[in-house]
């Protein structure tokens, strides 16, 4: 008697994300829909230990725009972390990407901004971002 054939079932994105696996973002060629969120976030260059404070302005599946007082050079690789405001236990989202543009200060009280791609991300259930 022949053993039953095993079928490999793909892991759904929600299961993979909940388990801490890192997801990669694939470019589709079209501009991604942006969602305006005014959320605090932290960022740092890859390999740096100190996190910098910023404020998210908008996010899409492929990138994030955030206001900060510390600008980085274009093409700098970054790590970004923020808490997704959902219940019951808000997860932290940890992203990797690179700076693709800087936005100068607009107005007398404004802050400069960075636009960064999101090349990979992972969910960290119920964990607050670094201080």
Protein backbone atom coordinates (compact mmCIF):
# COMPACT_ATOMS: atom_id res chain seq x y z
CA UNK A 1 0.00 0.00 0.00
CA UNK A 2 1.31 3.40 -1.01
CA UNK A 3 1.59 6.10 1.74
CA UNK A 4 -0.74 9.08 1.34
CA UNK A 5 0.68 12.02 -0.56
CA UNK A 6 1.48 15.05 1.53
CA UNK A 7 0.39 18.38 0.25
CA UNK A 8 2.25 21.42 1.40
CA UNK A 9 -0.26 24.07 2.38
CA UNK A 10 1.02 27.63 2.15
CA UNK A 11 1.08 29.47 5.47
CA UNK A 12 -1.47 32.29 5.39
CA UNK A 13 0.02 35.77 5.80
CA UNK A 14 -1.88 36.32 9.06
CA UNK A 15 -0.47 33.13 10.59
CA UNK A 16 3.03 33.87 9.38
CA UNK A 17 2.83 37.43 10.74
CA UNK A 18 1.53 36.30 14.11
CA UNK A 19 4.36 33.81 14.42
CA UNK A 20 7.00 36.54 14.02
CA UNK A 21 8.14 35.62 10.51
CA UNK A 22 9.41 38.52 8.45
CA UNK A 23 7.33 39.36 5.39
CA UNK A 24 8.79 40.94 2.29
CA UNK A 25 6.99 43.61 0.31
CA UNK A 26 6.80 43.10 -3.43
CA UNK A 27 6.50 46.05 -5.75
CA UNK A 28 3.53 46.02 -8.12
CA UNK A 29 4.58 48.96 -10.28
CA UNK A 30 1.57 51.08 -9.37
CA UNK A 31 1.49 53.69 -6.63
CA UNK A 32 0.19 52.18 -3.41
CA UNK A 33 -2.81 53.69 -1.63
CA UNK A 34 -1.74 55.87 1.29
CA UNK A 35 -3.44 56.00 4.66
CA UNK A 36 -3.06 59.03 6.91
CA UNK A 37 -2.10 58.05 10.45
CA UNK A 38 -0.77 60.40 13.10
CA UNK A 39 1.13 57.83 15.17
CA UNK A 40 4.38 58.02 17.10
CA UNK A 41 7.16 55.86 15.71
CA UNK A 42 10.82 55.18 16.32
CA UNK A 43 13.49 54.71 13.68
CA UNK A 44 17.21 54.10 13.45
CA UNK A 45 19.80 53.34 10.82
CA UNK A 46 20.50 49.62 10.41
CA UNK A 47 23.17 48.62 12.92
CA UNK A 48 22.67 51.64 15.17
CA UNK A 49 21.52 51.00 18.76
CA UNK A 50 19.85 54.35 19.50
CA UNK A 51 16.24 54.84 18.39
CA UNK A 52 15.08 58.30 17.25
CA UNK A 53 11.57 59.65 17.82
CA UNK A 54 9.28 60.66 14.94
CA UNK A 55 5.62 61.03 14.02
CA UNK A 56 4.04 59.07 11.18
CA UNK A 57 2.17 61.14 8.63
CA UNK A 58 1.04 58.41 6.24
CA UNK A 59 1.73 54.81 5.35
CA UNK A 60 1.11 52.41 2.45
CA UNK A 61 2.00 48.80 1.75
CA UNK A 62 5.33 49.97 0.33
CA UNK A 63 6.42 52.98 2.36
CA UNK A 64 5.98 55.46 5.18
CA UNK A 65 6.31 59.24 5.52
CA UNK A 66 7.25 60.55 8.94
CA UNK A 67 8.15 63.89 10.54
CA UNK A 68 11.37 64.08 12.53
CA UNK A 69 14.01 66.53 13.67
CA UNK A 70 16.89 64.24 12.56
CA UNK A 71 17.15 63.79 8.81
CA UNK A 72 19.11 60.97 7.17
CA UNK A 73 20.71 60.77 3.74
CA UNK A 74 18.78 59.24 0.85
CA UNK A 75 19.59 55.50 0.45
CA UNK A 76 20.26 55.07 4.20
CA UNK A 77 18.93 51.69 5.36
CA UNK A 78 16.55 52.07 8.29
CA UNK A 79 14.55 50.11 10.83
CA UNK A 80 11.17 51.55 11.85
CA UNK A 81 8.87 50.44 14.65
CA UNK A 82 5.38 51.58 15.63
CA UNK A 83 2.34 50.23 17.44
CA UNK A 84 -0.69 49.40 15.31
CA UNK A 85 -3.73 50.84 17.16
CA UNK A 86 -5.97 47.77 17.21
CA UNK A 87 -7.52 45.86 20.08
CA UNK A 88 -7.38 43.78 22.22
CA UNK A 89 -3.55 43.69 22.29
CA UNK A 90 -1.91 46.19 19.91
CA UNK A 91 1.04 44.64 18.07
CA UNK A 92 4.25 46.45 17.24
CA UNK A 93 5.17 46.49 13.56
CA UNK A 94 8.91 46.31 12.89
CA UNK A 95 9.89 47.38 9.36
CA UNK A 96 13.08 47.49 7.33
CA UNK A 97 13.59 49.78 4.39
CA UNK A 98 15.58 52.69 3.08
CA UNK A 99 15.20 56.43 2.85
CA UNK A 100 14.04 57.47 -0.63
CA UNK A 101 13.55 61.22 -0.11
CA UNK A 102 13.67 64.04 2.40
CA UNK A 103 10.96 66.68 2.72
CA UNK A 104 12.02 70.18 3.83
CA UNK A 105 10.33 72.12 6.60
CA UNK A 106 6.98 73.60 5.54
CA UNK A 107 5.87 76.64 7.51
CA UNK A 108 7.47 78.27 10.54
CA UNK A 109 6.42 75.54 13.00
CA UNK A 110 6.83 72.52 10.75
CA UNK A 111 9.29 69.66 10.93
CA UNK A 112 11.25 68.08 8.11
CA UNK A 113 10.21 64.60 7.01
CA UNK A 114 11.66 61.38 5.67
CA UNK A 115 10.02 59.06 3.17
CA UNK A 116 11.20 55.46 3.44
CA UNK A 117 10.36 52.29 1.57
CA UNK A 118 9.15 49.25 3.45
CA UNK A 119 10.99 46.24 2.07
CA UNK A 120 10.18 43.82 4.90
CA UNK A 121 8.12 43.81 8.08
CA UNK A 122 7.05 41.62 10.97
CA UNK A 123 4.41 41.76 13.68
CA UNK A 124 5.52 41.52 17.30
CA UNK A 125 2.38 40.66 19.30
CA UNK A 126 1.68 42.81 22.35
CA UNK A 127 5.15 44.32 22.63
CA UNK A 128 5.72 48.06 23.04
CA UNK A 129 8.37 49.70 20.85
CA UNK A 130 11.71 50.71 22.38
CA UNK A 131 11.83 53.93 24.39
